[in-house]
Every structure is written in C-alpha cells, then in structure tokens.
Amino acid sequence: MGQKIHPTGFRLSVSRNWSSRWYAHDRDFAGMLAEDIKVRDYLRVKLKNASVSKVLIERPARNARITIFSARPGVVIGKKGEDIENLKRDLSRQLGVPVAINIDEVRKPELDAKLIADSITQQLEKRIMFRRAMKRAMQNAMRSGAQGIKIMSSGRLNGIEIARTEWYREGRVPLHTLRADVDYGTSVAKTTYGVIGVKVWVYKGDTLGRTDGVAIDPKAEEDRKARFPRKEERAARPGVDRPGADRVRQPRRVVGVATEPVEKKEERPSAEEGATPKTTLRRVPKVEQVDAKGESA
C-alpha cells in the first residue's frame, strides 16, 4: 500500500532548499544539529503569537545568522526594537557565538501551509468545529490564488472516544511531480480530549527550480530551418520561380494495368472495293456408313 512521502524532503535540491545551511565535520555535526533543534523550539514558544512560518539558520565563520519568516514582523521586533534585542541576546547565549537576526515578512499568510495549520489548531483549542475551521481555511487559500489545497486532521475529533482521520481537498495537489511547488506544514492542537494533529498541503503551481530559470532556451531565428517557403515568399515568385516548376513530369504508372503492347489486326479490303473474295472452307464431320451386319464400311 502506497504511503505519502514528505513533500519538502522529496523536493530538496530540486525546487526546495534546506532550512539549516552550514557545514561541519563529523565530530561537530550532531552537536550543531541539536543546537538548531533547540533554537527552533525556543523560537516557537517565544514567538507563539507572531505567526512564524519558517526559521532559517546559517552559520558563517564563527557567527550565526537567523532569518525569521513571520506574517507579523511587528510582534517580533517589539516596541523600539526591545524584543528583538532580548531575542538576540538569548540566542547568543545558547549558541555561544554572535547572532544576527533578520526578519522577512510573509506577504500572503493564506497560502503558507505552516500558518494555515497553526490557525486551524488555534481554532480547535478554542472548541471550534474542525470541519468549519478546515473549510474556511480552504476557501481563503483558493481565493488567494492557490491551485489546490489538502487539509488532514487526526485524533479525537469533536471529543469522540475513538480517534479517526478526516481530510478535505479542493483543486489538485500533485504528490509525485517534482516541478510542482507544494508547500507542506504541520501543527498540533492540545485539547482537553487529547492531541489533534493537522497537516496541510498547498499547491501553488509548477516551478522550474529554485532559480526559476528557463528550462530549454529557444532556438534563434537563424538556426531555424523552414521545411517549406512561407506563404508570402511563394506569392512573390510566380510562374517558373515557384519551387518545382523546372521539374519534368514523369508519366504516372497505374498499378494493375497491363503494359504489354496489343497487336493490331490488319484491316482487309471488302468485296465492294474490288477485292477478290476469299473462299471460305468449312470442315464437315465424316459420316461412317454401316451395313446390315452392323459393320462399318
């Protein structure tokens, strides 16, 4: 039975890029990866109300650069930049190196899978019906320009005793097309009945890679060879100048018709024209005479 692969990991180095961009030796790799996980967990709790979509971590030489993608950058910066300074100080203490923080605004939060999932989980924690929250998010995404969206919720939906999974889809969401720009995000809602997980797939159209370059360069006009002259060129060369006018036509051969010469009978002059009529001989069958005894003569 086929299972769904992670859309982001499936498209890495094709149309997606890594969220942690740095290089480390084998002995340092595990420690630096654990630091990235702690930083993301800290920012998720610290910036819970800032609508954070993604955190990009880069490590130049003995430094760290963290880019926060948020739909509400004012909440991250704070009044007169106080919150971002406190955030920079805490992250420098955790990583042990100077940290620079950049903030990028998410222009369309209705098309971001992570923000859609967070919005649905917040509504579920406020005891809003899950179907209403899912359908409202789908309508907003399709209205904002998405070509397809799929939302899946699993857990004790509406507080029922047996957990189940329900999903809704609108438009098309290709899962195995590498050029498809599919955004994927998850979130968890902690309710009084238990934990409810939400997954969101958003299809934004096809892309030609991370740089969005031209896949195949069109051929130049001089490299293109026309099989036949154009219509205006044919009109400018009437008569002998038209292509194929100097060719001699060969007789067409019809298949199935005999090509051997037929002998023509000579016409003989008739008797009225003075010619001697030719005697016609007729062959008469021989009649045998039989005598009275029955013997032939």
Foldseek 3Di string as FASTA:
>chain_A
DDDFDDQQVVQDPFAHHDLEDDDDDPVCPVVVVVLVVVLVVVCCVVPVPFAWQGWHWYDDDQEIEIETETQRVCVCQDDVRPNVVVVQVVSCVSVVGRYHYHYHHDPDLLQAFASLQSQLLVVVQVVDQSVVSVVVSQVSNVVVQFQKKKKKKWDCGSLDPDIDMDMDMDHDADRPDNQWDKHKHKDWHQHPSGIMIMIMITTRGGARHNVRDDPDDDDDPVVDDDPADDPVVQVVQPDCRHPPNPDDDDDDDDPPDDPDDDDDDDDDDDVVVPDDDDDDDDDDDDDWDADPVRDTD
